[in-house]
Amino acid sequence: MIDYTKEELVELLRKTPEKFNEWKQEQEEVDLSETDFSGISLNEIDFSGADLNSSSFADCNLSLVNFSDTDLTSVDFTRARVLECDFTDSLLTGADCSYAEMTYCNFTECDLAGCIFSETDLSNSDMSTSLNLGASRFDEDTIWPDPEYLPDDFDAAYTKDLSSLSDDEDTVQSDY
């Protein structure tokens, strides 16, 4: 069994991704937390069950990547092109997906609390059984999938987060 550094694994993914998949199958745990994958293209990579906490996939092209059961807490997906990727049972809490294209993805049972979807294109992705989508951040420029691919209790029209809420007292004029 070959023991790679994180930097060597990134190079392996760049040059011979099939060797990364073979190596990963032999591992009990894969810790790629805080790894910078920015700007690379990844196709048919198996990250299932890996720890990618606080890693960066900014400006990446990702297609058919398996992120199922993966810790993606605070991961940076800004401006990434993410096509047909599987996020089943993954943890995307606090991830930044701003300005990303995340189309035809599977978010089954994926925890999206605190995930940022500002100006994100999520068309044709299945989010119907995702968790905490209402606790994510998004704006009026977020492109959502058709309603049948969203949770029944989710309202995509409500774009204000908790910081925009005000008490009734805040709106009352004072004589003082």
C-alpha atoms as a PDB file:
ATOM      1  CA  MET A   1       0.000   0.000   0.000  1.00  0.00           C
ATOM      2  CA  ILE A   2       1.453   3.349  -1.074  1.00  0.00           C
ATOM      3  CA  ASP A   3       1.232   6.229   1.390  1.00  0.00           C
ATOM      4  CA  TYR A   4       0.774   9.565  -0.402  1.00  0.00           C
ATOM      5  CA  THR A   5       0.897  13.124   0.910  1.00  0.00           C
ATOM      6  CA  LYS A   6      -2.087  15.354   0.139  1.00  0.00           C
ATOM      7  CA  GLU A   7      -0.039  17.193  -2.483  1.00  0.00           C
ATOM      8  CA  GLU A   8       0.923  13.893  -4.144  1.00  0.00           C
ATOM      9  CA  LEU A   9      -2.741  12.827  -4.186  1.00  0.00           C
ATOM     10  CA  VAL A  10      -3.730  16.075  -5.927  1.00  0.00           C
ATOM     11  CA  GLU A  11      -1.051  15.408  -8.570  1.00  0.00           C
ATOM     12  CA  LEU A  12      -2.295  11.822  -8.901  1.00  0.00           C
ATOM     13  CA  LEU A  13      -5.825  13.159  -9.476  1.00  0.00           C
ATOM     14  CA  ARG A  14      -4.543  15.602 -12.103  1.00  0.00           C
ATOM     15  CA  LYS A  15      -2.444  13.086 -14.051  1.00  0.00           C
ATOM     16  CA  THR A  16      -3.880   9.591 -13.472  1.00  0.00           C
ATOM     17  CA  PRO A  17      -7.275   9.747 -11.733  1.00  0.00           C
ATOM     18  CA  GLU A  18      -7.905   6.024 -12.242  1.00  0.00           C
ATOM     19  CA  LYS A  19      -4.872   5.302 -10.006  1.00  0.00           C
ATOM     20  CA  PHE A  20      -6.417   7.519  -7.307  1.00  0.00           C
ATOM     21  CA  ASN A  21      -9.640   5.471  -7.463  1.00  0.00           C
ATOM     22  CA  GLU A  22      -7.639   2.223  -7.177  1.00  0.00           C
ATOM     23  CA  TRP A  23      -5.639   3.607  -4.236  1.00  0.00           C
ATOM     24  CA  LYS A  24      -8.796   4.836  -2.472  1.00  0.00           C
ATOM     25  CA  GLN A  25     -10.458   1.410  -2.634  1.00  0.00           C
ATOM     26  CA  GLU A  26      -7.640   0.029  -0.480  1.00  0.00           C
ATOM     27  CA  GLN A  27      -8.016   2.721   2.209  1.00  0.00           C
ATOM     28  CA  GLU A  28     -10.096   2.524   5.367  1.00  0.00           C
ATOM     29  CA  GLU A  29     -10.099   6.302   5.783  1.00  0.00           C
ATOM     30  CA  VAL A  30      -9.202   9.061   3.368  1.00  0.00           C
ATOM     31  CA  ASP A  31      -8.364  12.437   4.908  1.00  0.00           C
ATOM     32  CA  LEU A  32      -8.138  15.159   2.288  1.00  0.00           C
ATOM     33  CA  SER A  33      -9.336  17.928   4.581  1.00  0.00           C
ATOM     34  CA  GLU A  34      -8.059  21.431   3.803  1.00  0.00           C
ATOM     35  CA  THR A  35      -6.767  20.326   0.377  1.00  0.00           C
ATOM     36  CA  ASP A  36      -6.677  22.758  -2.537  1.00  0.00           C
ATOM     37  CA  PHE A  37      -8.119  21.217  -5.723  1.00  0.00           C
ATOM     38  CA  SER A  38      -8.830  24.655  -7.264  1.00  0.00           C
ATOM     39  CA  GLY A  39      -9.008  24.916 -11.018  1.00  0.00           C
ATOM     40  CA  ILE A  40      -8.640  21.243 -11.934  1.00  0.00           C
ATOM     41  CA  SER A  41     -10.976  18.980 -13.888  1.00  0.00           C
ATOM     42  CA  LEU A  42     -12.092  15.747 -12.249  1.00  0.00           C
ATOM     43  CA  ASN A  43     -14.163  13.100 -13.991  1.00  0.00           C
ATOM     44  CA  GLU A  44     -15.478   9.844 -12.471  1.00  0.00           C
ATOM     45  CA  ILE A  45     -13.594  10.229  -9.163  1.00  0.00           C
ATOM     46  CA  ASP A  46     -14.683   8.288  -6.073  1.00  0.00           C
ATOM     47  CA  PHE A  47     -14.487  10.510  -2.974  1.00  0.00           C
ATOM     48  CA  SER A  48     -17.200   8.502  -1.163  1.00  0.00           C
ATOM     49  CA  GLY A  49     -16.711   8.407   2.599  1.00  0.00           C
ATOM     50  CA  ALA A  50     -13.720  10.775   2.474  1.00  0.00           C
ATOM     51  CA  ASP A  51     -13.039  13.735   4.750  1.00  0.00           C
ATOM     52  CA  LEU A  52     -12.853  16.800   2.495  1.00  0.00           C
ATOM     53  CA  ASN A  53     -13.658  19.269   5.278  1.00  0.00           C
ATOM     54  CA  SER A  54     -12.539  22.839   4.405  1.00  0.00           C
ATOM     55  CA  SER A  55     -11.116  21.840   1.007  1.00  0.00           C
ATOM     56  CA  SER A  56     -11.415  23.996  -2.100  1.00  0.00           C
ATOM     57  CA  PHE A  57     -12.915  22.983  -5.435  1.00  0.00           C
ATOM     58  CA  ALA A  58     -13.184  26.611  -6.570  1.00  0.00           C
ATOM     59  CA  ASP A  59     -13.200  27.027 -10.357  1.00  0.00           C
ATOM     60  CA  CYS A  60     -13.136  23.230 -10.889  1.00  0.00           C
ATOM     61  CA  ASN A  61     -14.900  21.175 -13.545  1.00  0.00           C
ATOM     62  CA  LEU A  62     -16.366  18.116 -11.831  1.00  0.00           C
ATOM     63  CA  SER A  63     -18.434  15.478 -13.582  1.00  0.00           C
ATOM     64  CA  LEU A  64     -19.710  12.113 -12.370  1.00  0.00           C
ATOM     65  CA  VAL A  65     -17.833  12.551  -9.059  1.00  0.00           C
ATOM     66  CA  ASN A  66     -19.059  10.395  -6.163  1.00  0.00           C
ATOM     67  CA  PHE A  67     -19.253  12.520  -2.985  1.00  0.00           C
ATOM     68  CA  SER A  68     -21.679  10.150  -1.220  1.00  0.00           C
ATOM     69  CA  ASP A  69     -21.288   9.926   2.576  1.00  0.00           C
ATOM     70  CA  THR A  70     -18.509  12.545   2.400  1.00  0.00           C
ATOM     71  CA  ASP A  71     -17.719  15.321   4.884  1.00  0.00           C
ATOM     72  CA  LEU A  72     -17.860  18.483   2.764  1.00  0.00           C
ATOM     73  CA  THR A  73     -18.234  20.889   5.698  1.00  0.00           C
ATOM     74  CA  SER A  74     -17.106  24.408   4.732  1.00  0.00           C
ATOM     75  CA  VAL A  75     -15.906  23.272   1.296  1.00  0.00           C
ATOM     76  CA  ASP A  76     -15.460  25.968  -1.357  1.00  0.00           C
ATOM     77  CA  PHE A  77     -17.306  25.181  -4.613  1.00  0.00           C
ATOM     78  CA  THR A  78     -17.414  28.820  -5.819  1.00  0.00           C
ATOM     79  CA  ARG A  79     -17.604  29.169  -9.602  1.00  0.00           C
ATOM     80  CA  ALA A  80     -17.255  25.373  -9.999  1.00  0.00           C
ATOM     81  CA  ARG A  81     -19.007  23.440 -12.739  1.00  0.00           C
ATOM     82  CA  VAL A  82     -20.464  20.366 -11.004  1.00  0.00           C
ATOM     83  CA  LEU A  83     -22.335  18.007 -13.358  1.00  0.00           C
ATOM     84  CA  GLU A  84     -24.077  14.731 -12.505  1.00  0.00           C
ATOM     85  CA  CYS A  85     -22.317  14.373  -9.132  1.00  0.00           C
ATOM     86  CA  ASP A  86     -23.678  12.279  -6.258  1.00  0.00           C
ATOM     87  CA  PHE A  87     -23.940  13.986  -2.843  1.00  0.00           C
ATOM     88  CA  THR A  88     -26.109  11.262  -1.222  1.00  0.00           C
ATOM     89  CA  ASP A  89     -25.807  11.292   2.602  1.00  0.00           C
ATOM     90  CA  SER A  90     -23.031  13.890   2.473  1.00  0.00           C
ATOM     91  CA  LEU A  91     -22.544  16.814   4.811  1.00  0.00           C
ATOM     92  CA  LEU A  92     -22.474  20.154   2.966  1.00  0.00           C
ATOM     93  CA  THR A  93     -22.967  22.339   6.051  1.00  0.00           C
ATOM     94  CA  GLY A  94     -21.405  25.743   5.593  1.00  0.00           C
ATOM     95  CA  ALA A  95     -20.199  24.948   2.071  1.00  0.00           C
ATOM     96  CA  ASP A  96     -19.956  27.882  -0.355  1.00  0.00           C
ATOM     97  CA  CYS A  97     -21.499  27.035  -3.724  1.00  0.00           C
ATOM     98  CA  SER A  98     -21.858  30.654  -4.875  1.00  0.00           C
ATOM     99  CA  TYR A  99     -21.845  31.233  -8.635  1.00  0.00           C
ATOM    100  CA  ALA A 100     -21.520  27.469  -9.238  1.00  0.00           C
ATOM    101  CA  GLU A 101     -23.320  25.358 -11.802  1.00  0.00           C
ATOM    102  CA  MET A 102     -24.524  22.233  -9.961  1.00  0.00           C
ATOM    103  CA  THR A 103     -26.811  20.573 -12.484  1.00  0.00           C
ATOM    104  CA  TYR A 104     -28.167  17.027 -12.657  1.00  0.00           C
ATOM    105  CA  CYS A 105     -26.752  16.311  -9.160  1.00  0.00           C
ATOM    106  CA  ASN A 106     -28.233  13.979  -6.533  1.00  0.00           C
ATOM    107  CA  PHE A 107     -28.649  15.553  -3.059  1.00  0.00           C
ATOM    108  CA  THR A 108     -30.573  12.650  -1.445  1.00  0.00           C
ATOM    109  CA  GLU A 109     -30.391  12.942   2.379  1.00  0.00           C
ATOM    110  CA  CYS A 110     -27.616  15.560   1.998  1.00  0.00           C
ATOM    111  CA  ASP A 111     -27.417  18.040   4.919  1.00  0.00           C
ATOM    112  CA  LEU A 112     -27.430  21.566   3.456  1.00  0.00           C
ATOM    113  CA  ALA A 113     -27.632  23.651   6.669  1.00  0.00           C
ATOM    114  CA  GLY A 114     -25.759  26.903   6.159  1.00  0.00           C
ATOM    115  CA  CYS A 115     -24.815  26.044   2.573  1.00  0.00           C
ATOM    116  CA  ILE A 116     -24.538  29.156   0.378  1.00  0.00           C
ATOM    117  CA  PHE A 117     -26.299  28.985  -3.007  1.00  0.00           C
ATOM    118  CA  SER A 118     -26.010  32.632  -4.106  1.00  0.00           C
ATOM    119  CA  GLU A 119     -26.442  32.818  -7.895  1.00  0.00           C
ATOM    120  CA  THR A 120     -26.066  29.025  -8.115  1.00  0.00           C
ATOM    121  CA  ASP A 121     -27.618  27.059 -10.981  1.00  0.00           C
ATOM    122  CA  LEU A 122     -29.200  23.930  -9.458  1.00  0.00           C
ATOM    123  CA  SER A 123     -31.426  23.089 -12.419  1.00  0.00           C
ATOM    124  CA  ASN A 124     -32.320  19.430 -12.897  1.00  0.00           C
ATOM    125  CA  SER A 125     -30.755  18.436  -9.561  1.00  0.00           C
ATOM    126  CA  ASP A 126     -32.724  16.243  -7.142  1.00  0.00           C
ATOM    127  CA  MET A 127     -33.021  17.970  -3.765  1.00  0.00           C
ATOM    128  CA  SER A 128     -36.425  16.474  -2.878  1.00  0.00           C
ATOM    129  CA  THR A 129     -35.125  14.545   0.155  1.00  0.00           C
ATOM    130  CA  SER A 130     -32.257  16.856   1.087  1.00  0.00           C
ATOM    131  CA  LEU A 131     -32.043  17.972   4.703  1.00  0.00           C
ATOM    132  CA  ASN A 132     -32.130  21.563   6.011  1.00  0.00           C
ATOM    133  CA  LEU A 133     -32.479  23.229   2.612  1.00  0.00           C
ATOM    134  CA  GLY A 134     -34.544  25.920   4.338  1.00  0.00           C
ATOM    135  CA  ALA A 135     -31.501  26.670   6.526  1.00  0.00           C
ATOM    136  CA  SER A 136     -29.317  27.367   3.492  1.00  0.00           C
ATOM    137  CA  ARG A 137     -28.575  30.823   2.095  1.00  0.00           C
ATOM    138  CA  PHE A 138     -29.668  31.785  -1.398  1.00  0.00           C
ATOM    139  CA  ASP A 139     -30.812  34.822  -3.340  1.00  0.00           C
ATOM    140  CA  GLU A 140     -33.247  35.761  -6.082  1.00  0.00           C
ATOM    141  CA  ASP A 141     -30.632  34.800  -8.702  1.00  0.00           C
ATOM    142  CA  THR A 142     -30.418  31.177  -7.519  1.00  0.00           C
ATOM    143  CA  ILE A 143     -31.786  28.851 -10.203  1.00  0.00           C
ATOM    144  CA  TRP A 144     -33.762  26.034  -8.579  1.00  0.00           C
ATOM    145  CA  PRO A 145     -34.807  22.682 -10.044  1.00  0.00           C
ATOM    146  CA  ASP A 146     -38.471  22.089 -10.830  1.00  0.00           C
ATOM    147  CA  PRO A 147     -40.699  21.941  -7.714  1.00  0.00           C
ATOM    148  CA  GLU A 148     -40.969  18.130  -7.768  1.00  0.00           C
ATOM    149  CA  TYR A 149     -37.205  18.024  -7.123  1.00  0.00           C
ATOM    150  CA  LEU A 150     -37.437  20.280  -4.050  1.00  0.00           C
ATOM    151  CA  PRO A 151     -38.637  19.349  -0.521  1.00  0.00           C
ATOM    152  CA  ASP A 152     -42.382  19.868  -0.049  1.00  0.00           C
ATOM    153  CA  ASP A 153     -41.864  22.362   2.793  1.00  0.00           C
ATOM    154  CA  PHE A 154     -39.278  24.504   0.960  1.00  0.00           C
ATOM    155  CA  ASP A 155     -40.129  28.001  -0.254  1.00  0.00           C
ATOM    156  CA  ALA A 156     -37.624  29.181  -2.879  1.00  0.00           C
ATOM    157  CA  ALA A 157     -39.312  32.581  -3.025  1.00  0.00           C
ATOM    158  CA  TYR A 158     -38.174  33.460   0.507  1.00  0.00           C
ATOM    159  CA  THR A 159     -34.648  34.813   0.008  1.00  0.00           C
ATOM    160  CA  LYS A 160     -34.039  36.702   3.243  1.00  0.00           C
ATOM    161  CA  ASP A 161     -31.828  35.146   5.909  1.00  0.00           C
ATOM    162  CA  LEU A 162     -32.113  35.626   9.675  1.00  0.00           C
ATOM    163  CA  SER A 163     -30.074  38.849   9.662  1.00  0.00           C
ATOM    164  CA  SER A 164     -32.815  40.570   7.681  1.00  0.00           C
ATOM    165  CA  LEU A 165     -35.525  39.810  10.237  1.00  0.00           C
ATOM    166  CA  SER A 166     -36.666  42.663  12.445  1.00  0.00           C
ATOM    167  CA  ASP A 167     -38.775  42.924  15.577  1.00  0.00           C
ATOM    168  CA  ASP A 168     -42.025  44.856  15.525  1.00  0.00           C
ATOM    169  CA  GLU A 169     -40.355  47.277  17.939  1.00  0.00           C
ATOM    170  CA  ASP A 170     -37.732  48.106  15.309  1.00  0.00           C
ATOM    171  CA  THR A 171     -40.362  49.551  12.989  1.00  0.00           C
ATOM    172  CA  VAL A 172     -42.138  51.752  15.565  1.00  0.00           C
ATOM    173  CA  GLN A 173     -41.229  55.442  15.422  1.00  0.00           C
ATOM    174  CA  SER A 174     -40.173  56.933  18.728  1.00  0.00           C
ATOM    175  CA  ASP A 175     -40.836  60.446  20.005  1.00  0.00           C
ATOM    176  CA  TYR A 176     -37.445  60.566  21.693  1.00  0.00           C
END
